[in-house]
Amino acid sequence: MNLRFHWFLPTSGDGRAIVGRGHSLPLGSSGPATASAHPCPRLPDRPGGGILRFVVIVGNPRPASRTLTVAAEAANAVTRAAGLPGPYLTIDLCVLARHLLLPEPSPAVEEALDQVTGADLLLVVSPTYQGSYTGLLKVFLDRVPHRALDRAVALPLMLMGLVEHVPAVDAYLRPLLVELGATVPVPGLAVLESELDRLDSVLGPWADQVAGVLGGHPAPTHLPGPLHAAPVSVAG
């Protein structure tokens, strides 16, 4: 099986240009990234000024999903707001789904894991299934060794139909990424399906918050508007 990685050049508006496919597109680095020993979530500098590895994981089992669209728009928004150089890599897990539970090794799965554990910045996106993230995403991340994401800044994002599910992004997805060692410097973002026709207004303030943290500035304590960027209180 040939896993299709998609490299996107961030653009303005809705357009996205695929600039490469396959495993061999160079990342523009002269060597491995150096993880900062300081707990500050600022992204590390690469030797020689190479491109930082920005990887997007999409955990929807359906191909060409709305989750994939939201993930691309969110990645573009972060790239523009933070002024990140170069393309980002999208790993759509629906391509790997039938290989993740097989007993024999899968080169495609191993390649995807190598890309994830080598990332400096991770955007992890899932639809809400049964009030949490998908089993497909969990099965994939279960293959990531303990604390293997300790070099990465991770951004959790979930797409959902009900506002009652908003707390899931920080109650379930965020702790999973922290358990794997990632730094999660801002609250996860919950995007409602009813907001898909105004994604720019939802993603913009969140991306600005992310950019401020990646640049070493403190995140604002409150984001205006119905961004669902932090858990809401639910009476029980």
C-alpha atoms as a PDB file:
ATOM      1  CA  MET A   1       0.000   0.000   0.000  1.00  0.00           C
ATOM      2  CA  ASN A   2       1.281   3.467  -0.848  1.00  0.00           C
ATOM      3  CA  LEU A   3       0.218   5.946   1.805  1.00  0.00           C
ATOM      4  CA  ARG A   4      -0.679   9.267   0.266  1.00  0.00           C
ATOM      5  CA  PHE A   5       0.601  12.158   2.323  1.00  0.00           C
ATOM      6  CA  HIS A   6      -0.682  15.537   1.231  1.00  0.00           C
ATOM      7  CA  TRP A   7       1.539  18.578   1.396  1.00  0.00           C
ATOM      8  CA  PHE A   8      -0.399  21.834   1.294  1.00  0.00           C
ATOM      9  CA  LEU A   9       1.020  25.260   0.656  1.00  0.00           C
ATOM     10  CA  PRO A  10      -0.975  27.581   2.924  1.00  0.00           C
ATOM     11  CA  THR A  11      -2.921  30.133   0.928  1.00  0.00           C
ATOM     12  CA  SER A  12      -5.369  32.906   1.542  1.00  0.00           C
ATOM     13  CA  GLY A  13      -9.071  32.241   1.130  1.00  0.00           C
ATOM     14  CA  ASP A  14     -10.342  28.768   0.372  1.00  0.00           C
ATOM     15  CA  GLY A  15      -7.754  27.748  -2.231  1.00  0.00           C
ATOM     16  CA  ARG A  16      -5.175  25.089  -1.343  1.00  0.00           C
ATOM     17  CA  ALA A  17      -2.411  23.976  -3.675  1.00  0.00           C
ATOM     18  CA  ILE A  18      -1.024  20.479  -3.370  1.00  0.00           C
ATOM     19  CA  VAL A  19       2.717  20.907  -3.758  1.00  0.00           C
ATOM     20  CA  GLY A  20       3.768  17.307  -3.353  1.00  0.00           C
ATOM     21  CA  ARG A  21       2.636  13.739  -2.701  1.00  0.00           C
ATOM     22  CA  GLY A  22       4.362  10.705  -1.329  1.00  0.00           C
ATOM     23  CA  HIS A  23       7.052  10.157   1.267  1.00  0.00           C
ATOM     24  CA  SER A  24      10.019  11.692  -0.468  1.00  0.00           C
ATOM     25  CA  LEU A  25       9.222  15.394  -0.524  1.00  0.00           C
ATOM     26  CA  PRO A  26      12.143  17.043   1.349  1.00  0.00           C
ATOM     27  CA  LEU A  27      11.275  18.928   4.504  1.00  0.00           C
ATOM     28  CA  GLY A  28      13.889  21.559   3.771  1.00  0.00           C
ATOM     29  CA  SER A  29      15.950  20.735   6.839  1.00  0.00           C
ATOM     30  CA  SER A  30      19.678  20.185   7.061  1.00  0.00           C
ATOM     31  CA  GLY A  31      19.267  18.051  10.166  1.00  0.00           C
ATOM     32  CA  PRO A  32      16.897  16.978  12.909  1.00  0.00           C
ATOM     33  CA  ALA A  33      14.939  19.522  14.873  1.00  0.00           C
ATOM     34  CA  THR A  34      16.286  20.492  18.260  1.00  0.00           C
ATOM     35  CA  ALA A  35      13.713  20.363  21.034  1.00  0.00           C
ATOM     36  CA  SER A  36      13.913  23.185  23.522  1.00  0.00           C
ATOM     37  CA  ALA A  37      14.894  22.198  27.035  1.00  0.00           C
ATOM     38  CA  HIS A  38      12.805  25.067  28.401  1.00  0.00           C
ATOM     39  CA  PRO A  39       9.112  24.371  29.052  1.00  0.00           C
ATOM     40  CA  CYS A  40       8.083  27.429  27.016  1.00  0.00           C
ATOM     41  CA  PRO A  41       5.911  26.240  24.088  1.00  0.00           C
ATOM     42  CA  ARG A  42       7.813  28.337  21.543  1.00  0.00           C
ATOM     43  CA  LEU A  43       8.549  26.199  18.499  1.00  0.00           C
ATOM     44  CA  PRO A  44      12.206  25.145  18.276  1.00  0.00           C
ATOM     45  CA  ASP A  45      14.522  26.548  15.640  1.00  0.00           C
ATOM     46  CA  ARG A  46      15.853  24.146  13.056  1.00  0.00           C
ATOM     47  CA  PRO A  47      19.549  24.009  12.247  1.00  0.00           C
ATOM     48  CA  GLY A  48      20.297  26.039   9.151  1.00  0.00           C
ATOM     49  CA  GLY A  49      16.896  27.718   9.231  1.00  0.00           C
ATOM     50  CA  GLY A  50      15.076  24.691   7.807  1.00  0.00           C
ATOM     51  CA  ILE A  51      11.313  24.332   7.661  1.00  0.00           C
ATOM     52  CA  LEU A  52       9.569  23.364  10.882  1.00  0.00           C
ATOM     53  CA  ARG A  53       7.630  20.125  10.685  1.00  0.00           C
ATOM     54  CA  PHE A  54       3.914  20.939  10.940  1.00  0.00           C
ATOM     55  CA  VAL A  55       1.804  17.774  10.797  1.00  0.00           C
ATOM     56  CA  VAL A  56      -2.003  17.575  10.743  1.00  0.00           C
ATOM     57  CA  ILE A  57      -3.729  14.341  11.822  1.00  0.00           C
ATOM     58  CA  VAL A  58      -7.348  13.801  10.721  1.00  0.00           C
ATOM     59  CA  GLY A  59      -9.194  11.073  12.617  1.00  0.00           C
ATOM     60  CA  ASN A  60     -12.377  10.720  10.570  1.00  0.00           C
ATOM     61  CA  PRO A  61     -12.875   7.211   9.080  1.00  0.00           C
ATOM     62  CA  ARG A  62     -14.690   8.677   6.062  1.00  0.00           C
ATOM     63  CA  PRO A  63     -12.727   9.962   3.058  1.00  0.00           C
ATOM     64  CA  ALA A  64     -13.152  13.557   1.897  1.00  0.00           C
ATOM     65  CA  SER A  65     -14.855  14.377   5.193  1.00  0.00           C
ATOM     66  CA  ARG A  66     -15.921  17.724   6.592  1.00  0.00           C
ATOM     67  CA  THR A  67     -13.369  17.066   9.327  1.00  0.00           C
ATOM     68  CA  LEU A  68     -10.641  17.072   6.680  1.00  0.00           C
ATOM     69  CA  THR A  69     -11.914  20.402   5.347  1.00  0.00           C
ATOM     70  CA  VAL A  70     -11.957  21.954   8.823  1.00  0.00           C
ATOM     71  CA  ALA A  71      -8.465  20.595   9.497  1.00  0.00           C
ATOM     72  CA  ALA A  72      -7.102  22.206   6.337  1.00  0.00           C
ATOM     73  CA  GLU A  73      -8.719  25.551   7.118  1.00  0.00           C
ATOM     74  CA  ALA A  74      -7.444  25.432  10.703  1.00  0.00           C
ATOM     75  CA  ALA A  75      -3.908  24.603   9.564  1.00  0.00           C
ATOM     76  CA  ASN A  76      -3.993  27.476   7.070  1.00  0.00           C
ATOM     77  CA  ALA A  77      -5.256  29.849   9.766  1.00  0.00           C
ATOM     78  CA  VAL A  78      -2.461  28.903  12.190  1.00  0.00           C
ATOM     79  CA  THR A  79       0.159  29.116   9.458  1.00  0.00           C
ATOM     80  CA  ARG A  80      -0.925  32.616   8.467  1.00  0.00           C
ATOM     81  CA  ALA A  81      -1.370  33.909  12.020  1.00  0.00           C
ATOM     82  CA  ALA A  82       1.952  32.526  13.285  1.00  0.00           C
ATOM     83  CA  GLY A  83       3.876  33.271  10.087  1.00  0.00           C
ATOM     84  CA  LEU A  84       5.049  29.671   9.780  1.00  0.00           C
ATOM     85  CA  PRO A  85       7.256  28.907   6.785  1.00  0.00           C
ATOM     86  CA  GLY A  86       6.696  26.204   4.241  1.00  0.00           C
ATOM     87  CA  PRO A  87       3.975  23.576   3.710  1.00  0.00           C
ATOM     88  CA  TYR A  88       2.338  21.342   6.275  1.00  0.00           C
ATOM     89  CA  LEU A  89       1.706  17.603   6.064  1.00  0.00           C
ATOM     90  CA  THR A  90      -1.785  16.114   6.396  1.00  0.00           C
ATOM     91  CA  ILE A  91      -2.201  12.478   7.438  1.00  0.00           C
ATOM     92  CA  ASP A  92      -5.789  11.396   6.750  1.00  0.00           C
ATOM     93  CA  LEU A  93      -6.217   8.276   8.880  1.00  0.00           C
ATOM     94  CA  CYS A  94      -9.059   6.893   6.753  1.00  0.00           C
ATOM     95  CA  VAL A  95      -6.329   5.785   4.359  1.00  0.00           C
ATOM     96  CA  LEU A  96      -4.727   3.688   7.106  1.00  0.00           C
ATOM     97  CA  ALA A  97      -7.872   2.395   8.790  1.00  0.00           C
ATOM     98  CA  ARG A  98      -7.836  -1.200   7.538  1.00  0.00           C
ATOM     99  CA  HIS A  99      -4.124  -1.604   8.342  1.00  0.00           C
ATOM    100  CA  LEU A 100      -4.124  -0.381  11.928  1.00  0.00           C
ATOM    101  CA  LEU A 101      -5.507  -3.566  13.510  1.00  0.00           C
ATOM    102  CA  LEU A 102      -3.674  -6.097  11.377  1.00  0.00           C
ATOM    103  CA  PRO A 103      -1.026  -8.211  13.182  1.00  0.00           C
ATOM    104  CA  GLU A 104       1.587  -7.799  10.459  1.00  0.00           C
ATOM    105  CA  PRO A 105       3.630  -4.591  10.224  1.00  0.00           C
ATOM    106  CA  SER A 106       2.479  -1.910   7.798  1.00  0.00           C
ATOM    107  CA  PRO A 107       5.146   0.302   6.187  1.00  0.00           C
ATOM    108  CA  ALA A 108       2.520   2.985   5.603  1.00  0.00           C
ATOM    109  CA  VAL A 109       1.524   3.065   9.277  1.00  0.00           C
ATOM    110  CA  GLU A 110       5.160   3.140  10.370  1.00  0.00           C
ATOM    111  CA  GLU A 111       5.889   6.014   8.000  1.00  0.00           C
ATOM    112  CA  ALA A 112       2.931   7.965   9.378  1.00  0.00           C
ATOM    113  CA  LEU A 113       4.109   7.358  12.947  1.00  0.00           C
ATOM    114  CA  ASP A 114       7.599   8.552  12.038  1.00  0.00           C
ATOM    115  CA  GLN A 115       6.124  11.765  10.641  1.00  0.00           C
ATOM    116  CA  VAL A 116       4.060  12.342  13.782  1.00  0.00           C
ATOM    117  CA  THR A 117       6.839  11.641  16.286  1.00  0.00           C
ATOM    118  CA  GLY A 118       9.180  13.884  14.281  1.00  0.00           C
ATOM    119  CA  ALA A 119       6.778  16.838  14.245  1.00  0.00           C
ATOM    120  CA  ASP A 120       7.413  20.167  15.943  1.00  0.00           C
ATOM    121  CA  LEU A 121       3.762  21.252  15.695  1.00  0.00           C
ATOM    122  CA  LEU A 122       0.771  18.880  15.608  1.00  0.00           C
ATOM    123  CA  LEU A 123      -2.825  19.746  14.802  1.00  0.00           C
ATOM    124  CA  VAL A 124      -4.977  16.773  15.849  1.00  0.00           C
ATOM    125  CA  VAL A 125      -8.528  16.884  14.488  1.00  0.00           C
ATOM    126  CA  SER A 126     -11.412  14.484  15.104  1.00  0.00           C
ATOM    127  CA  PRO A 127     -15.168  14.469  14.741  1.00  0.00           C
ATOM    128  CA  THR A 128     -17.153  13.673  17.882  1.00  0.00           C
ATOM    129  CA  TYR A 129     -18.193  10.008  18.052  1.00  0.00           C
ATOM    130  CA  GLN A 130     -20.244   8.890  21.058  1.00  0.00           C
ATOM    131  CA  GLY A 131     -19.277  12.066  22.895  1.00  0.00           C
ATOM    132  CA  SER A 132     -15.520  11.640  22.407  1.00  0.00           C
ATOM    133  CA  TYR A 133     -12.872  11.417  19.682  1.00  0.00           C
ATOM    134  CA  THR A 134     -12.978   8.538  17.199  1.00  0.00           C
ATOM    135  CA  GLY A 135     -11.746   5.025  17.778  1.00  0.00           C
ATOM    136  CA  LEU A 136      -9.690   5.373  14.595  1.00  0.00           C
ATOM    137  CA  LEU A 137      -7.688   8.223  16.120  1.00  0.00           C
ATOM    138  CA  LYS A 138      -7.243   6.294  19.379  1.00  0.00           C
ATOM    139  CA  VAL A 139      -6.017   3.167  17.611  1.00  0.00           C
ATOM    140  CA  PHE A 140      -3.451   5.194  15.686  1.00  0.00           C
ATOM    141  CA  LEU A 141      -2.215   7.181  18.686  1.00  0.00           C
ATOM    142  CA  ASP A 142      -2.028   3.977  20.752  1.00  0.00           C
ATOM    143  CA  ARG A 143       0.884   3.076  18.486  1.00  0.00           C
ATOM    144  CA  VAL A 144       2.807   6.189  19.479  1.00  0.00           C
ATOM    145  CA  PRO A 145       5.345   5.259  22.186  1.00  0.00           C
ATOM    146  CA  HIS A 146       4.948   6.755  25.653  1.00  0.00           C
ATOM    147  CA  ARG A 147       6.120  10.391  25.790  1.00  0.00           C
ATOM    148  CA  ALA A 148       7.195  10.206  22.139  1.00  0.00           C
ATOM    149  CA  LEU A 149       5.587  13.599  21.445  1.00  0.00           C
ATOM    150  CA  ASP A 150       7.711  15.420  24.029  1.00  0.00           C
ATOM    151  CA  ARG A 151       9.257  17.574  21.311  1.00  0.00           C
ATOM    152  CA  ALA A 152       5.893  18.711  19.918  1.00  0.00           C
ATOM    153  CA  VAL A 153       3.405  21.477  20.523  1.00  0.00           C
ATOM    154  CA  ALA A 154      -0.066  19.971  19.978  1.00  0.00           C
ATOM    155  CA  LEU A 155      -3.355  21.670  19.114  1.00  0.00           C
ATOM    156  CA  PRO A 156      -6.520  19.582  19.700  1.00  0.00           C
ATOM    157  CA  LEU A 157      -9.603  20.374  17.616  1.00  0.00           C
ATOM    158  CA  MET A 158     -12.934  18.566  17.385  1.00  0.00           C
ATOM    159  CA  LEU A 159     -15.900  18.938  15.042  1.00  0.00           C
ATOM    160  CA  MET A 160     -19.302  18.260  16.596  1.00  0.00           C
ATOM    161  CA  GLY A 161     -23.011  18.609  16.042  1.00  0.00           C
ATOM    162  CA  LEU A 162     -24.164  19.352  19.591  1.00  0.00           C
ATOM    163  CA  VAL A 163     -23.033  22.112  21.910  1.00  0.00           C
ATOM    164  CA  GLU A 164     -23.334  19.629  24.784  1.00  0.00           C
ATOM    165  CA  HIS A 165     -20.257  17.885  23.382  1.00  0.00           C
ATOM    166  CA  VAL A 166     -18.049  21.001  23.554  1.00  0.00           C
ATOM    167  CA  PRO A 167     -16.241  19.881  26.748  1.00  0.00           C
ATOM    168  CA  ALA A 168     -15.015  16.696  24.998  1.00  0.00           C
ATOM    169  CA  VAL A 169     -12.074  18.396  23.309  1.00  0.00           C
ATOM    170  CA  ASP A 170     -10.403  19.298  26.605  1.00  0.00           C
ATOM    171  CA  ALA A 171     -11.868  16.473  28.672  1.00  0.00           C
ATOM    172  CA  TYR A 172     -10.744  13.665  26.344  1.00  0.00           C
ATOM    173  CA  LEU A 173      -8.503  14.695  23.430  1.00  0.00           C
ATOM    174  CA  ARG A 174      -6.254  17.124  25.285  1.00  0.00           C
ATOM    175  CA  PRO A 175      -5.312  14.612  28.071  1.00  0.00           C
ATOM    176  CA  LEU A 176      -4.472  11.994  25.442  1.00  0.00           C
ATOM    177  CA  LEU A 177      -1.955  14.324  23.796  1.00  0.00           C
ATOM    178  CA  VAL A 178      -0.498  15.368  27.146  1.00  0.00           C
ATOM    179  CA  GLU A 179      -0.093  11.703  28.124  1.00  0.00           C
ATOM    180  CA  LEU A 180       1.976  11.203  24.967  1.00  0.00           C
ATOM    181  CA  GLY A 181       4.286  14.007  26.062  1.00  0.00           C
ATOM    182  CA  ALA A 182       3.061  16.905  23.923  1.00  0.00           C
ATOM    183  CA  THR A 183       2.864  20.480  25.156  1.00  0.00           C
ATOM    184  CA  VAL A 184      -0.729  21.710  24.762  1.00  0.00           C
ATOM    185  CA  PRO A 185      -0.420  25.464  25.389  1.00  0.00           C
ATOM    186  CA  VAL A 186      -3.963  26.605  24.561  1.00  0.00           C
ATOM    187  CA  PRO A 187      -7.437  25.162  25.188  1.00  0.00           C
ATOM    188  CA  GLY A 188      -8.726  22.823  22.505  1.00  0.00           C
ATOM    189  CA  LEU A 189     -11.068  24.223  19.888  1.00  0.00           C
ATOM    190  CA  ALA A 190     -14.573  22.824  19.408  1.00  0.00           C
ATOM    191  CA  VAL A 191     -16.171  23.648  16.043  1.00  0.00           C
ATOM    192  CA  LEU A 192     -19.903  23.138  15.700  1.00  0.00           C
ATOM    193  CA  GLU A 193     -21.340  21.906  12.412  1.00  0.00           C
ATOM    194  CA  SER A 194     -23.615  24.954  12.456  1.00  0.00           C
ATOM    195  CA  GLU A 195     -20.478  27.123  12.241  1.00  0.00           C
ATOM    196  CA  LEU A 196     -19.083  25.568   9.064  1.00  0.00           C
ATOM    197  CA  ASP A 197     -20.421  28.409   6.931  1.00  0.00           C
ATOM    198  CA  ARG A 198     -18.442  30.948   8.961  1.00  0.00           C
ATOM    199  CA  LEU A 199     -15.237  29.106   9.721  1.00  0.00           C
ATOM    200  CA  ASP A 200     -13.060  32.184   9.273  1.00  0.00           C
ATOM    201  CA  SER A 201     -14.726  33.955  12.195  1.00  0.00           C
ATOM    202  CA  VAL A 202     -14.350  30.855  14.383  1.00  0.00           C
ATOM    203  CA  LEU A 203     -10.781  29.975  13.441  1.00  0.00           C
ATOM    204  CA  GLY A 204      -9.338  33.485  13.308  1.00  0.00           C
ATOM    205  CA  PRO A 205      -9.368  34.371  17.032  1.00  0.00           C
ATOM    206  CA  TRP A 206      -8.220  30.856  17.945  1.00  0.00           C
ATOM    207  CA  ALA A 207      -5.335  31.015  15.466  1.00  0.00           C
ATOM    208  CA  ASP A 208      -4.321  34.412  16.851  1.00  0.00           C
ATOM    209  CA  GLN A 209      -4.265  32.901  20.337  1.00  0.00           C
ATOM    210  CA  VAL A 210      -2.116  30.020  19.097  1.00  0.00           C
ATOM    211  CA  ALA A 211       0.240  32.431  17.322  1.00  0.00           C
ATOM    212  CA  GLY A 212       0.654  34.483  20.491  1.00  0.00           C
ATOM    213  CA  VAL A 213       1.632  31.429  22.501  1.00  0.00           C
ATOM    214  CA  LEU A 214       3.990  30.057  19.851  1.00  0.00           C
ATOM    215  CA  GLY A 215       5.650  33.457  19.725  1.00  0.00           C
ATOM    216  CA  GLY A 216       6.309  33.333  23.453  1.00  0.00           C
ATOM    217  CA  HIS A 217       3.494  35.683  24.491  1.00  0.00           C
ATOM    218  CA  PRO A 218       0.882  34.716  27.104  1.00  0.00           C
ATOM    219  CA  ALA A 219      -2.459  33.557  25.761  1.00  0.00           C
ATOM    220  CA  PRO A 220      -5.505  35.720  26.462  1.00  0.00           C
ATOM    221  CA  THR A 221      -7.641  34.430  29.292  1.00  0.00           C
ATOM    222  CA  HIS A 222     -10.890  34.953  27.392  1.00  0.00           C
ATOM    223  CA  LEU A 223     -11.851  34.680  23.759  1.00  0.00           C
ATOM    224  CA  PRO A 224     -14.916  36.655  22.655  1.00  0.00           C
ATOM    225  CA  GLY A 225     -17.788  35.148  20.731  1.00  0.00           C
ATOM    226  CA  PRO A 226     -19.106  31.601  20.311  1.00  0.00           C
ATOM    227  CA  LEU A 227     -15.716  29.999  19.647  1.00  0.00           C
ATOM    228  CA  HIS A 228     -16.132  27.161  22.149  1.00  0.00           C
ATOM    229  CA  ALA A 229     -12.366  27.352  22.638  1.00  0.00           C
ATOM    230  CA  ALA A 230     -12.595  26.360  26.296  1.00  0.00           C
ATOM    231  CA  PRO A 231     -14.794  23.868  28.144  1.00  0.00           C
ATOM    232  CA  VAL A 232     -18.218  25.030  29.236  1.00  0.00           C
ATOM    233  CA  SER A 233     -19.827  24.161  32.533  1.00  0.00           C
ATOM    234  CA  VAL A 234     -22.477  21.461  32.276  1.00  0.00           C
ATOM    235  CA  ALA A 235     -24.869  20.963  35.137  1.00  0.00           C
ATOM    236  CA  GLY A 236     -25.025  17.365  36.178  1.00  0.00           C
END
